[in-house]
Each structure stands twice: as C-alpha cells, then as structure tokens.
Protein backbone atom coordinates (compact mmCIF):
# COMPACT_ATOMS: atom_id res chain seq x y z
CA MET A 1 -119.56 -77.08 160.88
CA LYS A 2 -118.45 -73.46 160.23
CA LEU A 3 -119.98 -71.40 157.62
CA GLY A 4 -120.31 -67.78 156.29
CA ILE A 5 -123.40 -66.24 155.66
CA LEU A 6 -124.20 -64.13 152.61
CA PHE A 7 -125.89 -61.28 154.36
CA SER A 8 -127.87 -58.22 153.08
CA GLY A 9 -129.48 -57.40 156.34
CA GLY A 10 -132.81 -58.27 154.80
CA LYS A 11 -135.45 -60.51 156.47
CA ASP A 12 -134.48 -63.63 154.11
CA SER A 13 -130.66 -63.37 154.90
CA SER A 14 -131.57 -62.63 158.71
CA TYR A 15 -133.91 -65.67 158.84
CA ALA A 16 -131.15 -67.88 157.15
CA CYS A 17 -128.77 -66.77 159.91
CA TYR A 18 -131.33 -67.65 162.56
CA LEU A 19 -132.15 -71.21 161.11
CA ALA A 20 -128.28 -71.80 161.12
CA LYS A 21 -127.78 -70.96 164.63
CA LYS A 22 -130.78 -72.62 165.66
CA ASN A 23 -129.40 -75.82 163.90
CA ASN A 24 -126.03 -75.70 165.89
CA TYR A 25 -123.88 -74.16 162.76
CA GLU A 26 -120.93 -72.35 163.96
CA ILE A 27 -121.52 -68.84 161.91
CA SER A 28 -117.78 -67.72 161.47
CA CYS A 29 -118.73 -64.74 159.58
CA LEU A 30 -121.23 -62.76 157.76
CA ILE A 31 -120.45 -61.67 153.99
CA THR A 32 -122.12 -58.57 152.66
CA ILE A 33 -121.75 -57.19 148.96
CA PHE A 34 -121.93 -53.65 148.12
CA SER A 35 -123.09 -53.22 144.79
CA GLU A 36 -121.51 -50.29 142.90
CA ASN A 37 -123.79 -51.00 139.79
CA PRO A 38 -127.04 -48.98 140.17
CA GLU A 39 -128.72 -51.35 137.60
CA SER A 40 -127.87 -54.35 139.52
CA PHE A 41 -130.76 -56.37 140.72
CA MET A 42 -128.50 -59.19 141.85
CA PHE A 43 -127.87 -57.69 145.33
CA HIS A 44 -130.42 -56.00 148.20
CA THR A 45 -129.19 -52.36 148.49
CA PRO A 46 -131.99 -50.80 150.66
CA SER A 47 -130.66 -50.02 153.98
CA ILE A 48 -127.52 -52.03 153.35
CA GLU A 49 -125.46 -49.68 155.54
CA GLN A 50 -127.11 -51.16 158.53
CA VAL A 51 -125.48 -54.53 158.28
CA LYS A 52 -122.55 -53.40 160.40
CA LYS A 53 -124.80 -52.38 163.18
CA GLN A 54 -126.78 -55.77 162.88
CA ALA A 55 -123.34 -57.63 162.87
CA GLU A 56 -122.27 -55.95 165.96
CA ILE A 57 -125.46 -56.63 167.70
CA MET A 58 -125.26 -60.25 166.66
CA LYS A 59 -121.66 -60.39 167.78
CA ILE A 60 -120.46 -61.99 164.56
CA PRO A 61 -117.59 -60.84 162.40
CA ILE A 62 -118.58 -59.34 158.95
CA ILE A 63 -116.66 -59.12 155.79
CA ILE A 64 -117.83 -56.29 153.38
CA VAL A 65 -116.67 -56.23 149.85
CA LYS A 66 -117.67 -54.11 146.86
C-alpha cells in the first residue's frame, strides 16, 4: 500500500515513518505544513526548516505547503 506521511521532522513523525517502512508500506512522499500563524499549536514548528534535508537523506520526495 502506498501512503504519504504527515512529517514535521520531529521524533513522532520520524518514528511513524520508520514503522511504516518496517511494516512494508511504500512511502510515496512526506507532507510538511509550514504554519504561518504564530499562535498555532496545531503544527510542530521548531526546526521545521530541516525537513528538506531529512527527506533528502531518506530519499523520499517531500511536499511542502503553507
């Protein structure tokens, strides 16, 4: 089964990606959301700019939206 992973670059989304791969899911992409709202607690924002490098190292395409 193909899937996309909502990816913040933090430990939880990294672990979710690891588990999906370990269980033989095909990860077709990572999806990252850059929140433009400084009041938002919905999205992880510390070090969010590192997700591009993480995706490159994992060799998984990344979709970034605001």
